[in-house]
Amino acid sequence: MARFFVVLASLLSGLARAAPYTPHSDDQILVRLSPAEQALGQAAPIHSEADAIRHARQWIDTARSREDARFLGYAQAALSPYLSSTQSASVQLLQAEIEQYQHAFPQARLRLTQLLNKRPDEGQAWLMLANLDRIQGRFDTARQSCQRAATSLPPTTVIICLASIQSMTGQLEQAWSTLLRLEDNQQLSLQRSERQWIYTLLAEMAIQQGLNSEAHSYLERALQPSPNDPYLRYLQSDLWLSEGAHADVISSLQSWQDRDNALLRLAVAAKRSQHPDASRWREAYRSRLQDSQRAGRSIHHREQARFLLSVMDQPQQALQAAQANWQEQRELSDLRILLASAVKENDPQTLQGARDFMDKNNLRDVMAQQWTKEEQR
């Protein structure tokens, strides 16, 4: 298992995951897989725990890159025989990664806690727990988990982990300077995954400060080794949307219409720019939501709220979805959609709760602050 797979997983954990699309007929082609991906989807013989770990790692990576939860099912099937019969940390870490991806946060937290009770020096587990706490706005415990990871992970990884917490707790400038020094230190032999993590965080921090030019620059650097990384492509598209660069969003994501997260952003960009495909993308995304609701599948509330607010002009329903999402996770994108929905719906109680969260953590974010100023007008 690659040493920094959890670092890479943390980049994608904030990625919104709308419910999977159900085709209208068995003949409909949803996506074309490469021969390598087709081979991954075929039943592979699992003869040992090592086989299970290797195949599960490949399937999880494919699920992330393709945004296709079917591959998580393959990974779970491979790991299942070994979850209760082995003390392997690798098996438990992979299963916790799957649970976090599926937003089964309580299960992931319990699994990681149980593993750390037995193996308190398991640095990757501490790193995953720190990321989970950060997602849910538990910054004090996230910081402690970053520090506990120092017993077995390289200092650079721990510093980056701590910087990601500082950016959310009143130390944005310090985190920014720390990452710039790390990136510029020629004596450090940073691995590609570490450097990409740094560039991604710098891009996010630049957006927090309203430094869009710098954000674009760091995004381009982060994308160089992984030009089709979904999280980075969507972060870039959201930055374009904030700037009104709707044509760039459409050009970037038009070939990804089979992906719900891309389709949502296409629908937003098309509506704002009066693109001829606006109604088609709107109805396609709405159809996927409805299909999922009829099938009883879970829907990611953040993306639902964004669709209802930005495409359907339904602030009351958007606020309900944003409030449900806020109970699960509290990243910047969750805060922004909560504030935007509350302002549009004129909900002073929700606005005060969001402001309290920002004040408690001394959180600085230009987009969130713009919404609080809008409410005060």
Protein backbone atom coordinates (compact mmCIF):
# COMPACT_ATOMS: atom_id res chain seq x y z
CA MET A 1 0.00 0.00 0.00
CA ALA A 2 1.45 3.35 -1.02
CA ARG A 3 2.69 5.35 1.93
CA PHE A 4 0.68 8.44 1.09
CA PHE A 5 -2.57 6.92 -0.16
CA VAL A 6 -4.38 8.51 2.76
CA VAL A 7 -2.93 11.90 1.83
CA LEU A 8 -4.39 11.51 -1.63
CA ALA A 9 -7.67 10.27 -0.20
CA SER A 10 -7.92 13.39 1.92
CA LEU A 11 -7.80 15.52 -1.23
CA LEU A 12 -10.95 13.87 -2.48
CA SER A 13 -12.91 13.37 0.70
CA GLY A 14 -14.63 16.75 0.33
CA LEU A 15 -15.73 15.84 -3.18
CA ALA A 16 -19.46 15.99 -3.39
CA ARG A 17 -21.06 12.72 -4.31
CA ALA A 18 -24.56 12.88 -5.69
CA ALA A 19 -26.56 9.71 -5.99
CA PRO A 20 -25.70 7.42 -8.90
CA TYR A 21 -27.62 7.68 -12.13
CA THR A 22 -30.11 4.99 -13.13
CA PRO A 23 -30.40 4.48 -16.92
CA HIS A 24 -33.80 4.46 -18.57
CA SER A 25 -33.06 1.29 -20.55
CA ASP A 26 -30.65 -1.63 -20.41
CA ASP A 27 -29.28 -0.64 -23.82
CA GLN A 28 -28.20 2.84 -22.78
CA ILE A 29 -24.41 3.35 -22.75
CA LEU A 30 -23.40 5.29 -19.66
CA VAL A 31 -19.62 5.31 -19.90
CA ARG A 32 -16.92 3.62 -21.91
CA LEU A 33 -14.26 1.92 -19.82
CA SER A 34 -10.70 1.36 -20.85
CA PRO A 35 -9.52 -2.25 -21.22
CA ALA A 36 -7.66 -1.91 -17.93
CA GLU A 37 -10.81 -0.72 -16.15
CA GLN A 38 -12.86 -3.49 -17.72
CA ALA A 39 -10.34 -5.99 -16.41
CA LEU A 40 -10.65 -4.48 -12.94
CA GLY A 41 -14.40 -4.97 -13.03
CA GLN A 42 -14.16 -8.65 -13.76
CA ALA A 43 -14.13 -11.14 -10.94
CA ALA A 44 -10.53 -11.50 -9.83
CA PRO A 45 -9.35 -14.51 -7.88
CA ILE A 46 -8.62 -13.59 -4.28
CA HIS A 47 -6.35 -16.24 -2.82
CA SER A 48 -4.93 -14.37 0.13
CA GLU A 49 -5.16 -11.25 2.26
CA ALA A 50 -2.40 -9.71 0.17
CA ASP A 51 -4.50 -10.29 -2.97
CA ALA A 52 -7.49 -8.67 -1.28
CA ILE A 53 -5.50 -5.61 -0.25
CA ARG A 54 -3.95 -5.17 -3.70
CA HIS A 55 -7.24 -5.50 -5.58
CA ALA A 56 -9.16 -3.36 -3.10
CA ARG A 57 -6.59 -0.57 -3.47
CA GLN A 58 -6.95 -0.67 -7.25
CA TRP A 59 -10.75 -0.67 -7.11
CA ILE A 60 -10.92 2.21 -4.63
CA ASP A 61 -8.58 4.28 -6.79
CA THR A 62 -10.71 3.51 -9.84
CA ALA A 63 -13.89 4.42 -7.96
CA ARG A 64 -12.39 7.80 -7.10
CA SER A 65 -11.01 8.57 -10.54
CA ARG A 66 -14.20 7.44 -12.32
CA GLU A 67 -16.60 8.57 -9.57
CA ASP A 68 -18.16 5.15 -9.93
CA ALA A 69 -19.31 3.52 -6.71
CA ARG A 70 -19.58 0.10 -8.35
CA PHE A 71 -15.86 -0.37 -7.90
CA LEU A 72 -16.28 0.21 -4.15
CA GLY A 73 -18.54 -2.82 -4.14
CA TYR A 74 -15.76 -4.88 -5.68
CA ALA A 75 -13.34 -3.57 -3.06
CA GLN A 76 -15.69 -4.40 -0.20
CA ALA A 77 -16.27 -7.89 -1.55
CA ALA A 78 -12.52 -8.48 -1.65
CA LEU A 79 -11.98 -7.22 1.90
CA SER A 80 -15.06 -8.77 3.49
CA PRO A 81 -13.59 -12.23 4.32
CA TYR A 82 -10.70 -10.59 6.15
CA LEU A 83 -12.41 -7.83 8.14
CA SER A 84 -13.15 -9.96 11.20
CA SER A 85 -10.56 -12.69 10.81
CA THR A 86 -7.43 -10.57 10.58
CA GLN A 87 -5.59 -8.00 12.66
CA SER A 88 -4.22 -6.37 9.49
CA ALA A 89 -4.18 -2.60 9.73
CA SER A 90 -4.19 -2.36 5.93
CA VAL A 91 -7.53 -4.16 5.66
CA GLN A 92 -9.14 -1.93 8.29
CA LEU A 93 -7.72 1.25 6.76
CA LEU A 94 -9.03 0.36 3.32
CA GLN A 95 -12.49 -0.41 4.71
CA ALA A 96 -12.49 2.88 6.65
CA GLU A 97 -11.53 4.70 3.45
CA ILE A 98 -14.51 3.11 1.69
CA GLU A 99 -16.83 4.10 4.54
CA GLN A 100 -15.58 7.67 4.50
CA TYR A 101 -16.08 7.86 0.73
CA GLN A 102 -19.66 6.62 1.22
CA HIS A 103 -20.21 9.23 3.95
CA ALA A 104 -20.64 6.47 6.53
CA PHE A 105 -18.75 8.70 8.93
CA PRO A 106 -19.76 7.04 12.25
CA GLN A 107 -18.68 3.63 10.95
CA ALA A 108 -15.36 4.99 9.66
CA ARG A 109 -14.70 6.80 12.94
CA LEU A 110 -15.46 3.69 15.00
CA ARG A 111 -13.25 1.51 12.83
CA LEU A 112 -10.32 3.93 13.03
CA THR A 113 -10.73 4.39 16.78
CA GLN A 114 -10.77 0.65 17.37
CA LEU A 115 -7.66 0.22 15.23
CA LEU A 116 -5.83 2.98 17.10
CA ASN A 117 -6.78 1.49 20.46
CA LYS A 118 -4.84 -1.60 19.40
CA ARG A 119 -2.15 0.19 17.41
CA PRO A 120 -1.66 3.72 18.73
CA ASP A 121 1.33 4.31 16.45
CA GLU A 122 -0.61 3.69 13.21
CA GLY A 123 0.08 7.06 11.60
CA GLN A 124 -2.15 6.61 8.58
CA ALA A 125 -5.12 5.95 10.84
CA TRP A 126 -4.41 9.18 12.73
CA LEU A 127 -4.19 11.03 9.43
CA MET A 128 -7.53 9.62 8.28
CA LEU A 129 -9.12 10.48 11.62
CA ALA A 130 -7.74 14.02 11.38
CA ASN A 131 -9.29 14.39 7.94
CA LEU A 132 -12.63 13.05 9.16
CA ASP A 133 -12.63 15.47 12.09
CA ARG A 134 -11.72 18.34 9.77
CA ILE A 135 -14.61 17.48 7.45
CA GLN A 136 -17.02 17.57 10.39
CA GLY A 137 -15.65 20.78 11.90
CA ARG A 138 -14.01 19.16 14.93
CA PHE A 139 -10.82 21.13 14.58
CA ASP A 140 -9.34 20.64 18.06
CA THR A 141 -9.46 16.85 17.78
CA ALA A 142 -8.29 17.04 14.17
CA ARG A 143 -5.21 18.96 15.29
CA GLN A 144 -4.50 16.39 17.98
CA SER A 145 -4.78 13.57 15.44
CA CYS A 146 -2.32 15.33 13.12
CA GLN A 147 0.13 15.56 16.00
CA ARG A 148 -0.34 11.91 16.96
CA ALA A 149 0.52 10.93 13.37
CA ALA A 150 4.03 12.29 13.96
CA THR A 151 5.02 9.05 15.70
CA SER A 152 5.23 7.16 12.41
CA LEU A 153 4.75 9.55 9.48
CA PRO A 154 7.30 11.97 7.96
CA PRO A 155 7.42 15.47 9.49
CA THR A 156 6.42 17.02 6.16
CA THR A 157 3.14 15.09 6.15
CA VAL A 158 2.36 16.19 9.70
CA ILE A 159 3.15 19.84 8.89
CA ILE A 160 0.81 19.77 5.88
CA CYS A 161 -1.89 18.13 7.97
CA LEU A 162 -1.60 20.82 10.65
CA ALA A 163 -1.61 23.59 8.03
CA SER A 164 -4.94 22.30 6.69
CA ILE A 165 -6.39 22.79 10.19
CA GLN A 166 -4.77 26.18 10.71
CA SER A 167 -6.43 27.48 7.55
CA MET A 168 -9.83 26.88 9.16
CA THR A 169 -9.03 28.21 12.63
CA GLY A 170 -7.76 31.76 12.40
CA GLN A 171 -4.23 30.98 11.23
CA LEU A 172 -4.75 31.19 7.49
CA GLU A 173 -1.75 33.44 6.86
CA GLN A 174 0.52 31.23 8.95
CA ALA A 175 -0.65 28.10 7.12
CA TRP A 176 -0.14 29.84 3.78
CA SER A 177 3.43 30.86 4.68
CA THR A 178 4.26 27.40 5.99
CA LEU A 179 3.18 25.69 2.79
CA LEU A 180 5.02 28.23 0.63
CA ARG A 181 8.22 27.56 2.57
CA LEU A 182 7.77 23.82 2.22
CA GLU A 183 7.18 24.06 -1.50
CA ASP A 184 10.18 26.34 -1.96
CA ASN A 185 12.61 24.33 0.18
CA GLN A 186 15.02 22.74 -2.28
CA GLN A 187 16.52 20.54 0.43
CA LEU A 188 13.28 18.63 0.86
CA SER A 189 12.72 15.71 -1.46
CA LEU A 190 8.94 16.01 -1.65
CA GLN A 191 7.07 13.14 -3.19
CA ARG A 192 4.68 13.95 -6.01
CA SER A 193 1.67 13.26 -3.79
CA GLU A 194 2.97 15.66 -1.12
CA ARG A 195 3.65 18.41 -3.64
CA GLN A 196 0.21 17.95 -5.18
CA TRP A 197 -1.36 18.11 -1.71
CA ILE A 198 0.49 21.37 -1.03
CA TYR A 199 -0.62 22.92 -4.33
CA THR A 200 -4.21 21.89 -3.71
CA LEU A 201 -4.25 23.40 -0.23
CA LEU A 202 -2.60 26.59 -1.51
CA ALA A 203 -5.28 26.87 -4.18
CA GLU A 204 -8.03 26.44 -1.58
CA MET A 205 -6.39 28.97 0.73
CA ALA A 206 -6.02 31.44 -2.12
CA ILE A 207 -9.75 31.13 -2.79
CA GLN A 208 -10.41 31.75 0.91
CA GLN A 209 -8.47 35.00 0.63
CA GLY A 210 -9.99 36.07 -2.69
CA LEU A 211 -6.66 35.64 -4.51
CA ASN A 212 -8.11 34.14 -7.66
CA SER A 213 -5.05 34.56 -9.85
CA GLU A 214 -2.92 32.65 -7.35
CA ALA A 215 -5.63 30.01 -7.00
CA HIS A 216 -5.63 29.38 -10.75
CA SER A 217 -1.84 29.12 -10.76
CA TYR A 218 -1.73 26.54 -7.97
CA LEU A 219 -4.58 24.58 -9.50
CA GLU A 220 -2.69 24.34 -12.77
CA ARG A 221 0.34 23.02 -10.91
CA ALA A 222 -1.74 20.49 -8.99
CA LEU A 223 -3.38 19.31 -12.20
CA GLN A 224 -0.14 18.78 -14.11
CA PRO A 225 0.49 15.23 -12.86
CA SER A 226 -3.24 14.35 -12.74
CA PRO A 227 -5.13 16.36 -15.38
CA ASN A 228 -8.31 14.32 -14.92
CA ASP A 229 -8.42 14.40 -11.14
CA PRO A 230 -12.13 14.97 -10.38
CA TYR A 231 -11.68 16.98 -7.19
CA LEU A 232 -9.24 19.39 -8.83
CA ARG A 233 -11.32 19.72 -12.00
CA TYR A 234 -14.40 20.60 -9.96
CA LEU A 235 -12.49 23.02 -7.73
CA GLN A 236 -11.25 24.74 -10.87
CA SER A 237 -14.76 24.83 -12.34
CA ASP A 238 -16.21 26.29 -9.14
CA LEU A 239 -13.58 29.03 -9.26
CA TRP A 240 -14.55 29.78 -12.85
CA LEU A 241 -18.22 29.87 -11.85
CA SER A 242 -17.43 32.40 -9.12
CA GLU A 243 -15.75 34.56 -11.77
CA GLY A 244 -18.54 34.21 -14.33
CA ALA A 245 -16.30 32.21 -16.69
CA HIS A 246 -19.16 29.93 -17.68
CA ALA A 247 -17.75 29.03 -21.08
CA ASP A 248 -14.63 27.64 -19.43
CA VAL A 249 -16.75 25.40 -17.19
CA ILE A 250 -18.74 24.08 -20.13
CA SER A 251 -15.62 23.50 -22.21
CA SER A 252 -13.92 21.66 -19.35
CA LEU A 253 -16.80 19.42 -18.26
CA GLN A 254 -18.91 18.87 -21.36
CA SER A 255 -17.29 15.48 -22.02
CA TRP A 256 -18.09 14.39 -18.44
CA GLN A 257 -21.87 14.57 -18.65
CA ASP A 258 -22.17 11.00 -17.37
CA ARG A 259 -20.83 12.23 -13.99
CA ASP A 260 -23.36 13.80 -11.66
CA ASN A 261 -20.94 16.37 -10.21
CA ALA A 262 -19.95 17.56 -13.67
CA LEU A 263 -23.57 17.66 -14.85
CA LEU A 264 -24.53 19.85 -11.89
CA ARG A 265 -21.86 22.39 -12.72
CA LEU A 266 -22.84 22.30 -16.39
CA ALA A 267 -26.44 23.04 -15.39
CA VAL A 268 -25.34 25.99 -13.24
CA ALA A 269 -23.04 27.43 -15.90
CA ALA A 270 -25.61 26.94 -18.64
CA LYS A 271 -28.38 28.67 -16.71
CA ARG A 272 -26.22 31.65 -15.87
CA SER A 273 -24.99 32.04 -19.44
CA GLN A 274 -28.30 31.15 -21.14
CA HIS A 275 -26.58 28.31 -22.95
CA PRO A 276 -28.79 26.39 -25.43
CA ASP A 277 -28.31 23.17 -23.41
CA ALA A 278 -29.41 24.74 -20.14
CA SER A 279 -32.81 23.06 -20.00
CA ARG A 280 -31.42 19.70 -21.14
CA TRP A 281 -28.74 19.63 -18.44
CA ARG A 282 -31.19 20.88 -15.82
CA GLU A 283 -33.70 18.17 -16.61
CA ALA A 284 -31.03 15.49 -16.82
CA TYR A 285 -29.78 16.30 -13.34
CA ARG A 286 -33.28 16.59 -11.92
CA SER A 287 -34.15 13.23 -13.45
CA ARG A 288 -31.18 11.62 -11.72
CA LEU A 289 -32.25 13.05 -8.38
CA GLN A 290 -35.79 11.81 -8.87
CA ASP A 291 -34.65 8.35 -9.92
CA SER A 292 -32.54 8.09 -6.80
CA GLN A 293 -35.38 9.23 -4.56
CA ARG A 294 -37.76 6.69 -6.09
CA ALA A 295 -35.18 3.95 -5.63
CA GLY A 296 -34.61 4.91 -2.01
CA ARG A 297 -30.94 5.72 -2.53
CA SER A 298 -29.24 8.37 -0.45
CA ILE A 299 -28.74 11.79 -2.01
CA HIS A 300 -25.86 14.05 -1.17
CA HIS A 301 -27.54 17.08 0.39
CA ARG A 302 -24.86 19.64 -0.46
CA GLU A 303 -25.17 19.06 -4.18
CA GLN A 304 -28.95 18.84 -3.93
CA ALA A 305 -28.99 22.21 -2.16
CA ARG A 306 -26.77 23.74 -4.79
CA PHE A 307 -28.99 22.50 -7.60
CA LEU A 308 -32.18 23.72 -5.90
CA LEU A 309 -30.70 27.15 -5.20
CA SER A 310 -28.60 27.88 -8.29
CA VAL A 311 -30.59 26.08 -10.99
CA MET A 312 -34.17 25.65 -9.76
CA ASP A 313 -34.49 28.94 -7.79
CA GLN A 314 -36.06 27.14 -4.84
CA PRO A 315 -34.38 28.67 -1.76
CA GLN A 316 -36.70 27.10 0.81
CA GLN A 317 -36.02 23.56 -0.41
CA ALA A 318 -32.35 24.41 -0.87
CA LEU A 319 -32.10 25.59 2.73
CA GLN A 320 -33.64 22.36 3.99
CA ALA A 321 -31.07 20.32 2.06
CA ALA A 322 -28.22 22.59 3.21
CA GLN A 323 -29.29 22.26 6.84
CA ALA A 324 -29.41 18.47 6.54
CA ASN A 325 -25.95 18.54 4.99
CA TRP A 326 -24.60 20.75 7.79
CA GLN A 327 -25.46 18.04 10.29
CA GLU A 328 -23.07 15.68 8.48
CA GLN A 329 -20.16 17.83 7.39
CA ARG A 330 -18.85 21.36 7.82
CA GLU A 331 -16.30 22.14 5.15
CA LEU A 332 -16.06 25.53 3.49
CA SER A 333 -18.30 24.49 0.60
CA ASP A 334 -20.91 23.32 3.13
CA LEU A 335 -20.74 26.65 4.96
CA ARG A 336 -21.04 28.61 1.72
CA ILE A 337 -24.16 26.82 0.48
CA LEU A 338 -25.73 27.05 3.94
CA LEU A 339 -25.16 30.82 4.07
CA ALA A 340 -26.28 31.37 0.48
CA SER A 341 -29.51 29.42 1.04
CA ALA A 342 -30.21 31.11 4.37
CA VAL A 343 -29.72 34.58 2.88
CA LYS A 344 -32.01 33.83 -0.06
CA GLU A 345 -34.65 32.36 2.26
CA ASN A 346 -34.12 35.07 4.89
CA ASP A 347 -33.58 32.64 7.77
CA PRO A 348 -31.97 34.63 10.62
CA GLN A 349 -31.57 31.61 12.92
CA THR A 350 -29.54 29.63 10.41
CA LEU A 351 -27.48 32.69 9.54
CA GLN A 352 -26.67 33.27 13.19
CA GLY A 353 -25.64 29.63 13.63
CA ALA A 354 -23.30 29.88 10.65
CA ARG A 355 -21.82 33.14 11.94
CA ASP A 356 -21.32 31.56 15.37
CA PHE A 357 -19.38 28.72 13.74
CA MET A 358 -17.17 31.20 11.92
CA ASP A 359 -16.63 33.31 15.05
CA LYS A 360 -15.90 30.32 17.27
CA ASN A 361 -13.18 29.11 14.93
CA ASN A 362 -12.03 32.57 13.80
CA LEU A 363 -12.67 31.29 10.30
CA ARG A 364 -11.83 33.59 7.42
CA ASP A 365 -13.38 33.03 4.01
CA VAL A 366 -14.11 35.75 1.48
CA MET A 367 -17.09 33.97 -0.09
CA ALA A 368 -18.74 33.24 3.26
CA GLN A 369 -18.10 36.77 4.47
CA GLN A 370 -19.73 38.15 1.32
CA TRP A 371 -22.92 36.28 2.15
CA THR A 372 -22.93 37.56 5.74
CA LYS A 373 -22.52 41.12 4.42
CA GLU A 374 -25.35 40.50 1.95
CA GLU A 375 -27.62 39.48 4.83
CA GLN A 376 -26.83 42.67 6.72
CA ARG A 377 -27.95 44.94 3.87
